[in-house]
């Protein structure tokens, strides 16, 4: 996860949420995390080419 897209405010916002709110917002949080992972795979595209692109597509398809 890149430091630019995830900072202390994001950390406090996500981990400061009460458990009952996490359950209600689970799909939103899950999709946000999956998109972050996909973006990291996209960043590896130069080094790993089509394989990184395939992984990014696979991760994006996991979103609900």
PDB file of N, CA and C in Angstrom:
ATOM      1  N   UNK A   1       0.857  -1.176   0.000  1.00  0.00           N
ATOM      2  CA  UNK A   1       0.000   0.000   0.000  1.00  0.00           C
ATOM      3  C   UNK A   1       0.898   1.232   0.000  1.00  0.00           C
ATOM      4  N   UNK A   2       0.647   2.115  -0.869  1.00  0.00           N
ATOM      5  CA  UNK A   2       1.514   3.278  -0.971  1.00  0.00           C
ATOM      6  C   UNK A   2       1.223   4.268   0.154  1.00  0.00           C
ATOM      7  N   UNK A   3       2.269   4.963   0.567  1.00  0.00           N
ATOM      8  CA  UNK A   3       2.131   5.942   1.646  1.00  0.00           C
ATOM      9  C   UNK A   3       1.280   7.122   1.217  1.00  0.00           C
ATOM     10  N   UNK A   4       1.263   7.415  -0.067  1.00  0.00           N
ATOM     11  CA  UNK A   4       0.508   8.559  -0.560  1.00  0.00           C
ATOM     12  C   UNK A   4      -0.996   8.336  -0.380  1.00  0.00           C
ATOM     13  N   UNK A   5      -1.452   7.111  -0.673  1.00  0.00           N
ATOM     14  CA  UNK A   5      -2.888   6.869  -0.635  1.00  0.00           C
ATOM     15  C   UNK A   5      -3.390   6.449   0.744  1.00  0.00           C
ATOM     16  N   UNK A   6      -2.491   6.070   1.639  1.00  0.00           N
ATOM     17  CA  UNK A   6      -2.913   5.623   2.969  1.00  0.00           C
ATOM     18  C   UNK A   6      -2.108   6.382   4.004  1.00  0.00           C
ATOM     19  N   UNK A   7      -2.757   7.250   4.750  1.00  0.00           N
ATOM     20  CA  UNK A   7      -2.040   8.056   5.730  1.00  0.00           C
ATOM     21  C   UNK A   7      -2.689   7.909   7.106  1.00  0.00           C
ATOM     22  N   UNK A   8      -2.220   8.684   8.071  1.00  0.00           N
ATOM     23  CA  UNK A   8      -2.711   8.559   9.440  1.00  0.00           C
ATOM     24  C   UNK A   8      -4.207   8.856   9.539  1.00  0.00           C
ATOM     25  N   UNK A   9      -4.697   9.797   8.779  1.00  0.00           N
ATOM     26  CA  UNK A   9      -6.131  10.106   8.820  1.00  0.00           C
ATOM     27  C   UNK A   9      -6.954   8.910   8.352  1.00  0.00           C
ATOM     28  N   UNK A  10      -6.497   8.260   7.295  1.00  0.00           N
ATOM     29  CA  UNK A  10      -7.189   7.064   6.814  1.00  0.00           C
ATOM     30  C   UNK A  10      -7.139   5.963   7.866  1.00  0.00           C
ATOM     31  N   UNK A  11      -5.965   5.798   8.480  1.00  0.00           N
ATOM     32  CA  UNK A  11      -5.809   4.775   9.517  1.00  0.00           C
ATOM     33  C   UNK A  11      -6.778   5.026  10.665  1.00  0.00           C
ATOM     34  N   UNK A  12      -6.815   6.262  11.156  1.00  0.00           N
ATOM     35  CA  UNK A  12      -7.713   6.603  12.262  1.00  0.00           C
ATOM     36  C   UNK A  12      -9.174   6.440  11.867  1.00  0.00           C
ATOM     37  N   UNK A  13      -9.494   6.784  10.627  1.00  0.00           N
ATOM     38  CA  UNK A  13     -10.875   6.668  10.169  1.00  0.00           C
ATOM     39  C   UNK A  13     -11.303   5.200  10.119  1.00  0.00           C
ATOM     40  N   UNK A  14     -10.422   4.336   9.612  1.00  0.00           N
ATOM     41  CA  UNK A  14     -10.786   2.921   9.474  1.00  0.00           C
ATOM     42  C   UNK A  14     -10.725   2.185  10.800  1.00  0.00           C
ATOM     43  N   UNK A  15      -9.627   2.342  11.538  1.00  0.00           N
ATOM     44  CA  UNK A  15      -9.455   1.563  12.753  1.00  0.00           C
ATOM     45  C   UNK A  15     -10.104   2.202  13.976  1.00  0.00           C
ATOM     46  N   UNK A  16     -10.617   3.415  13.830  1.00  0.00           N
ATOM     47  CA  UNK A  16     -11.332   4.057  14.917  1.00  0.00           C
ATOM     48  C   UNK A  16     -12.834   3.815  14.855  1.00  0.00           C
ATOM     49  N   UNK A  17     -13.267   3.020  13.889  1.00  0.00           N
ATOM     50  CA  UNK A  17     -14.689   2.740  13.702  1.00  0.00           C
ATOM     51  C   UNK A  17     -15.132   1.658  14.683  1.00  0.00           C
ATOM     52  N   UNK A  18     -16.246   1.861  15.375  1.00  0.00           N
ATOM     53  CA  UNK A  18     -16.771   0.806  16.245  1.00  0.00           C
ATOM     54  C   UNK A  18     -17.100  -0.455  15.451  1.00  0.00           C
ATOM     55  N   UNK A  19     -17.012  -1.609  16.106  1.00  0.00           N
ATOM     56  CA  UNK A  19     -17.194  -2.888  15.414  1.00  0.00           C
ATOM     57  C   UNK A  19     -18.543  -3.005  14.713  1.00  0.00           C
ATOM     58  N   UNK A  20     -19.602  -2.481  15.312  1.00  0.00           N
ATOM     59  CA  UNK A  20     -20.904  -2.606  14.649  1.00  0.00           C
ATOM     60  C   UNK A  20     -20.948  -1.800  13.348  1.00  0.00           C
ATOM     61  N   UNK A  21     -20.232  -0.680  13.278  1.00  0.00           N
ATOM     62  CA  UNK A  21     -20.182   0.087  12.038  1.00  0.00           C
ATOM     63  C   UNK A  21     -19.347  -0.624  10.991  1.00  0.00           C
ATOM     64  N   UNK A  22     -18.296  -1.314  11.416  1.00  0.00           N
ATOM     65  CA  UNK A  22     -17.470  -2.072  10.472  1.00  0.00           C
ATOM     66  C   UNK A  22     -18.317  -3.142   9.806  1.00  0.00           C
ATOM     67  N   UNK A  23     -19.140  -3.818  10.588  1.00  0.00           N
ATOM     68  CA  UNK A  23     -20.005  -4.859  10.010  1.00  0.00           C
ATOM     69  C   UNK A  23     -20.957  -4.268   8.983  1.00  0.00           C
ATOM     70  N   UNK A  24     -21.480  -3.092   9.268  1.00  0.00           N
ATOM     71  CA  UNK A  24     -22.408  -2.447   8.333  1.00  0.00           C
ATOM     72  C   UNK A  24     -21.684  -1.956   7.081  1.00  0.00           C
ATOM     73  N   UNK A  25     -20.452  -1.481   7.248  1.00  0.00           N
ATOM     74  CA  UNK A  25     -19.701  -0.913   6.132  1.00  0.00           C
ATOM     75  C   UNK A  25     -18.689  -1.885   5.549  1.00  0.00           C
ATOM     76  N   UNK A  26     -18.796  -3.156   5.901  1.00  0.00           N
ATOM     77  CA  UNK A  26     -17.808  -4.139   5.468  1.00  0.00           C
ATOM     78  C   UNK A  26     -17.588  -4.159   3.956  1.00  0.00           C
ATOM     79  N   UNK A  27     -18.649  -4.204   3.143  1.00  0.00           N
ATOM     80  CA  UNK A  27     -18.412  -4.225   1.690  1.00  0.00           C
ATOM     81  C   UNK A  27     -17.655  -2.993   1.183  1.00  0.00           C
ATOM     82  N   UNK A  28     -17.926  -1.849   1.767  1.00  0.00           N
ATOM     83  CA  UNK A  28     -17.249  -0.622   1.341  1.00  0.00           C
ATOM     84  C   UNK A  28     -15.766  -0.695   1.680  1.00  0.00           C
ATOM     85  N   UNK A  29     -15.453  -1.119   2.915  1.00  0.00           N
ATOM     86  CA  UNK A  29     -14.058  -1.235   3.331  1.00  0.00           C
ATOM     87  C   UNK A  29     -13.336  -2.305   2.520  1.00  0.00           C
ATOM     88  N   UNK A  30     -13.989  -3.425   2.318  1.00  0.00           N
ATOM     89  CA  UNK A  30     -13.391  -4.530   1.567  1.00  0.00           C
ATOM     90  C   UNK A  30     -13.076  -4.094   0.136  1.00  0.00           C
ATOM     91  N   UNK A  31     -14.012  -3.422  -0.501  1.00  0.00           N
ATOM     92  CA  UNK A  31     -13.795  -2.959  -1.864  1.00  0.00           C
ATOM     93  C   UNK A  31     -12.661  -1.939  -1.938  1.00  0.00           C
ATOM     94  N   UNK A  32     -12.557  -1.086  -0.929  1.00  0.00           N
ATOM     95  CA  UNK A  32     -11.477  -0.094  -0.904  1.00  0.00           C
ATOM     96  C   UNK A  32     -10.115  -0.779  -0.780  1.00  0.00           C
ATOM     97  N   UNK A  33     -10.037  -1.789   0.059  1.00  0.00           N
ATOM     98  CA  UNK A  33      -8.779  -2.524   0.225  1.00  0.00           C
ATOM     99  C   UNK A  33      -8.428  -3.273  -1.053  1.00  0.00           C
ATOM    100  N   UNK A  34      -9.401  -3.926  -1.660  1.00  0.00           N
ATOM    101  CA  UNK A  34      -9.143  -4.649  -2.901  1.00  0.00           C
ATOM    102  C   UNK A  34      -8.681  -3.714  -4.019  1.00  0.00           C
ATOM    103  N   UNK A  35      -9.247  -2.525  -4.078  1.00  0.00           N
ATOM    104  CA  UNK A  35      -8.818  -1.562  -5.091  1.00  0.00           C
ATOM    105  C   UNK A  35      -7.375  -1.113  -4.841  1.00  0.00           C
ATOM    106  N   UNK A  36      -7.002  -0.930  -3.568  1.00  0.00           N
ATOM    107  CA  UNK A  36      -5.622  -0.576  -3.238  1.00  0.00           C
ATOM    108  C   UNK A  36      -4.661  -1.665  -3.698  1.00  0.00           C
ATOM    109  N   UNK A  37      -5.040  -2.922  -3.468  1.00  0.00           N
ATOM    110  CA  UNK A  37      -4.208  -4.046  -3.902  1.00  0.00           C
ATOM    111  C   UNK A  37      -4.083  -4.051  -5.424  1.00  0.00           C
ATOM    112  N   UNK A  38      -5.187  -3.848  -6.110  1.00  0.00           N
ATOM    113  CA  UNK A  38      -5.175  -3.824  -7.578  1.00  0.00           C
ATOM    114  C   UNK A  38      -4.288  -2.693  -8.099  1.00  0.00           C
ATOM    115  N   UNK A  39      -4.330  -1.543  -7.449  1.00  0.00           N
ATOM    116  CA  UNK A  39      -3.484  -0.425  -7.872  1.00  0.00           C
ATOM    117  C   UNK A  39      -2.007  -0.761  -7.711  1.00  0.00           C
ATOM    118  N   UNK A  40      -1.675  -1.488  -6.645  1.00  0.00           N
ATOM    119  CA  UNK A  40      -0.285  -1.903  -6.449  1.00  0.00           C
ATOM    120  C   UNK A  40       0.148  -2.874  -7.542  1.00  0.00           C
ATOM    121  N   UNK A  41      -0.726  -3.791  -7.932  1.00  0.00           N
ATOM    122  CA  UNK A  41      -0.396  -4.692  -9.035  1.00  0.00           C
ATOM    123  C   UNK A  41      -0.229  -3.899 -10.338  1.00  0.00           C
ATOM    124  N   UNK A  42      -1.077  -2.895 -10.547  1.00  0.00           N
ATOM    125  CA  UNK A  42      -0.936  -2.054 -11.739  1.00  0.00           C
ATOM    126  C   UNK A  42       0.412  -1.336 -11.746  1.00  0.00           C
ATOM    127  N   UNK A  43       0.891  -0.936 -10.571  1.00  0.00           N
ATOM    128  CA  UNK A  43       2.187  -0.264 -10.484  1.00  0.00           C
ATOM    129  C   UNK A  43       3.336  -1.211 -10.841  1.00  0.00           C
ATOM    130  N   UNK A  44       3.130  -2.516 -10.684  1.00  0.00           N
ATOM    131  CA  UNK A  44       4.157  -3.506 -11.010  1.00  0.00           C
ATOM    132  C   UNK A  44       4.126  -3.906 -12.488  1.00  0.00           C
ATOM    133  N   UNK A  45       3.254  -3.311 -13.240  1.00  0.00           N
ATOM    134  CA  UNK A  45       3.037  -3.700 -14.637  1.00  0.00           C
ATOM    135  C   UNK A  45       4.304  -3.566 -15.487  1.00  0.00           C
ATOM    136  N   UNK A  46       5.123  -2.576 -15.197  1.00  0.00           N
ATOM    137  CA  UNK A  46       6.345  -2.370 -15.972  1.00  0.00           C
ATOM    138  C   UNK A  46       7.295  -3.557 -15.792  1.00  0.00           C
ATOM    139  N   UNK A  47       7.442  -4.018 -14.558  1.00  0.00           N
ATOM    140  CA  UNK A  47       8.377  -5.111 -14.280  1.00  0.00           C
ATOM    141  C   UNK A  47       7.811  -6.476 -14.666  1.00  0.00           C
ATOM    142  N   UNK A  48       6.512  -6.688 -14.436  1.00  0.00           N
ATOM    143  CA  UNK A  48       5.950  -8.024 -14.606  1.00  0.00           C
ATOM    144  C   UNK A  48       4.958  -8.152 -15.754  1.00  0.00           C
ATOM    145  N   UNK A  49       4.682  -7.065 -16.449  1.00  0.00           N
ATOM    146  CA  UNK A  49       3.862  -7.099 -17.658  1.00  0.00           C
ATOM    147  C   UNK A  49       2.455  -7.633 -17.480  1.00  0.00           C
ATOM    148  N   UNK A  50       2.088  -8.568 -18.368  1.00  0.00           N
ATOM    149  CA  UNK A  50       0.721  -9.092 -18.394  1.00  0.00           C
ATOM    150  C   UNK A  50       0.339  -9.833 -17.121  1.00  0.00           C
ATOM    151  N   UNK A  51       1.320 -10.425 -16.442  1.00  0.00           N
ATOM    152  CA  UNK A  51       1.022 -11.155 -15.209  1.00  0.00           C
ATOM    153  C   UNK A  51       0.471 -10.203 -14.151  1.00  0.00           C
ATOM    154  N   UNK A  52       1.110  -9.054 -13.973  1.00  0.00           N
ATOM    155  CA  UNK A  52       0.640  -8.071 -12.997  1.00  0.00           C
ATOM    156  C   UNK A  52      -0.737  -7.554 -13.393  1.00  0.00           C
ATOM    157  N   UNK A  53      -0.944  -7.326 -14.684  1.00  0.00           N
ATOM    158  CA  UNK A  53      -2.252  -6.863 -15.154  1.00  0.00           C
ATOM    159  C   UNK A  53      -3.326  -7.915 -14.881  1.00  0.00           C
ATOM    160  N   UNK A  54      -2.992  -9.185 -15.086  1.00  0.00           N
ATOM    161  CA  UNK A  54      -3.950 -10.267 -14.822  1.00  0.00           C
ATOM    162  C   UNK A  54      -4.304 -10.341 -13.344  1.00  0.00           C
ATOM    163  N   UNK A  55      -3.301 -10.180 -12.474  1.00  0.00           N
ATOM    164  CA  UNK A  55      -3.580 -10.187 -11.038  1.00  0.00           C
ATOM    165  C   UNK A  55      -4.459  -9.002 -10.647  1.00  0.00           C
ATOM    166  N   UNK A  56      -4.189  -7.841 -11.209  1.00  0.00           N
ATOM    167  CA  UNK A  56      -4.996  -6.659 -10.908  1.00  0.00           C
ATOM    168  C   UNK A  56      -6.441  -6.869 -11.335  1.00  0.00           C
ATOM    169  N   UNK A  57      -6.640  -7.455 -12.501  1.00  0.00           N
ATOM    170  CA  UNK A  57      -7.982  -7.741 -12.979  1.00  0.00           C
ATOM    171  C   UNK A  57      -8.680  -8.743 -12.073  1.00  0.00           C
ATOM    172  N   UNK A  58      -7.954  -9.788 -11.671  1.00  0.00           N
ATOM    173  CA  UNK A  58      -8.506 -10.798 -10.776  1.00  0.00           C
ATOM    174  C   UNK A  58      -8.953 -10.187  -9.451  1.00  0.00           C
ATOM    175  N   UNK A  59      -8.110  -9.330  -8.885  1.00  0.00           N
ATOM    176  CA  UNK A  59      -8.446  -8.685  -7.605  1.00  0.00           C
ATOM    177  C   UNK A  59      -9.658  -7.774  -7.770  1.00  0.00           C
ATOM    178  N   UNK A  60      -9.715  -7.017  -8.851  1.00  0.00           N
ATOM    179  CA  UNK A  60     -10.876  -6.141  -9.080  1.00  0.00           C
ATOM    180  C   UNK A  60     -12.159  -6.951  -9.246  1.00  0.00           C
ATOM    181  N   UNK A  61     -12.048  -8.130  -9.829  1.00  0.00           N
ATOM    182  CA  UNK A  61     -13.237  -8.985  -9.984  1.00  0.00           C
ATOM    183  C   UNK A  61     -13.729  -9.533  -8.652  1.00  0.00           C
ATOM    184  N   UNK A  62     -12.908  -9.473  -7.614  1.00  0.00           N
ATOM    185  CA  UNK A  62     -13.313  -9.953  -6.291  1.00  0.00           C
ATOM    186  C   UNK A  62     -14.208  -8.951  -5.566  1.00  0.00           C
ATOM    187  N   UNK A  63     -14.230  -7.707  -6.055  1.00  0.00           N
ATOM    188  CA  UNK A  63     -15.044  -6.684  -5.382  1.00  0.00           C
ATOM    189  C   UNK A  63     -16.526  -7.021  -5.522  1.00  0.00           C
ATOM    190  N   UNK A  64     -17.282  -6.644  -4.488  1.00  0.00           N
ATOM    191  CA  UNK A  64     -18.721  -6.907  -4.495  1.00  0.00           C
ATOM    192  C   UNK A  64     -19.484  -5.714  -4.989  1.00  0.00           C
TER     193      UNK A  64
END
